[in-house]
């Protein structure tokens, strides 16, 4: 488990991400039903979670389908 000094982003960056979502969360009060509130809340929360996860891991590649071949499990043999 990484300690707080090894995270690739700071507490201030985390707070900035959360602050971006605050106005969206506050606007949920205008939803007409609890279902609409809950659905929108989940979308906002999942997006924030995705952003935090991406920041905490590393930079996300432009092509999400591309895999890195740096740590292969099998060695390539041409025999």
Protein backbone atom coordinates (compact mmCIF):
# COMPACT_ATOMS: atom_id res chain seq x y z
CA UNK A 1 0.00 0.00 0.00
CA UNK A 2 1.56 3.33 -1.01
CA UNK A 3 2.09 5.93 1.65
CA UNK A 4 0.86 9.49 1.26
CA UNK A 5 4.22 10.67 -0.07
CA UNK A 6 4.30 8.18 -2.93
CA UNK A 7 0.91 9.04 -4.42
CA UNK A 8 1.24 10.62 -7.86
CA UNK A 9 -1.15 13.41 -6.89
CA UNK A 10 -1.50 15.61 -3.85
CA UNK A 11 -4.29 16.17 -1.35
CA UNK A 12 -4.88 19.56 -2.96
CA UNK A 13 -5.39 17.89 -6.34
CA UNK A 14 -7.87 15.46 -4.76
CA UNK A 15 -9.78 18.30 -3.14
CA UNK A 16 -9.83 20.15 -6.48
CA UNK A 17 -11.39 17.10 -8.16
CA UNK A 18 -14.00 16.81 -5.41
CA UNK A 19 -14.68 20.56 -5.55
CA UNK A 20 -15.46 20.27 -9.26
CA UNK A 21 -18.26 17.84 -8.40
CA UNK A 22 -19.64 19.84 -5.47
CA UNK A 23 -21.88 22.09 -7.56
CA UNK A 24 -23.28 19.04 -9.34
CA UNK A 25 -24.00 17.38 -6.00
CA UNK A 26 -25.62 20.54 -4.68
CA UNK A 27 -27.84 20.76 -7.78
CA UNK A 28 -29.29 17.34 -7.00
CA UNK A 29 -31.75 18.99 -4.60
CA UNK A 30 -33.79 20.06 -7.61
CA UNK A 31 -34.42 16.48 -8.73
CA UNK A 32 -38.15 15.69 -8.64
CA UNK A 33 -37.91 12.14 -7.28
CA UNK A 34 -35.57 10.18 -5.09
CA UNK A 35 -34.91 7.83 -8.01
CA UNK A 36 -33.67 10.74 -10.16
CA UNK A 37 -31.60 12.01 -7.23
CA UNK A 38 -30.05 8.60 -6.63
CA UNK A 39 -29.32 7.97 -10.32
CA UNK A 40 -27.62 11.34 -10.77
CA UNK A 41 -25.73 10.99 -7.49
CA UNK A 42 -24.34 7.64 -8.60
CA UNK A 43 -23.19 9.06 -11.96
CA UNK A 44 -21.42 11.97 -10.24
CA UNK A 45 -19.81 9.72 -7.62
CA UNK A 46 -18.64 7.12 -10.15
CA UNK A 47 -17.10 9.83 -12.32
CA UNK A 48 -15.26 11.29 -9.33
CA UNK A 49 -14.08 7.81 -8.34
CA UNK A 50 -12.84 7.14 -11.88
CA UNK A 51 -10.91 10.41 -11.93
CA UNK A 52 -9.32 9.70 -8.53
CA UNK A 53 -8.40 6.15 -9.57
CA UNK A 54 -6.83 7.33 -12.81
CA UNK A 55 -4.86 10.04 -11.02
CA UNK A 56 -3.67 7.65 -8.33
CA UNK A 57 -2.45 5.03 -10.78
CA UNK A 58 -0.77 7.08 -13.49
CA UNK A 59 -1.51 8.83 -16.71
CA UNK A 60 -4.20 7.10 -18.74
CA UNK A 61 -3.11 6.28 -22.29
CA UNK A 62 -4.99 7.92 -25.14
CA UNK A 63 -6.00 4.52 -26.48
CA UNK A 64 -7.62 2.69 -23.56
CA UNK A 65 -7.41 -0.61 -25.43
CA UNK A 66 -3.64 -0.51 -25.92
CA UNK A 67 -1.72 -2.77 -23.57
CA UNK A 68 1.84 -2.22 -22.44
CA UNK A 69 4.30 -5.02 -23.11
CA UNK A 70 6.87 -4.00 -20.52
CA UNK A 71 6.32 -6.72 -17.91
CA UNK A 72 5.58 -9.82 -19.88
CA UNK A 73 4.88 -13.05 -18.07
CA UNK A 74 6.27 -15.21 -20.83
CA UNK A 75 9.52 -14.74 -22.64
CA UNK A 76 9.38 -14.51 -26.39
CA UNK A 77 11.25 -17.29 -28.09
CA UNK A 78 11.73 -17.68 -31.79
CA UNK A 79 12.35 -21.41 -31.72
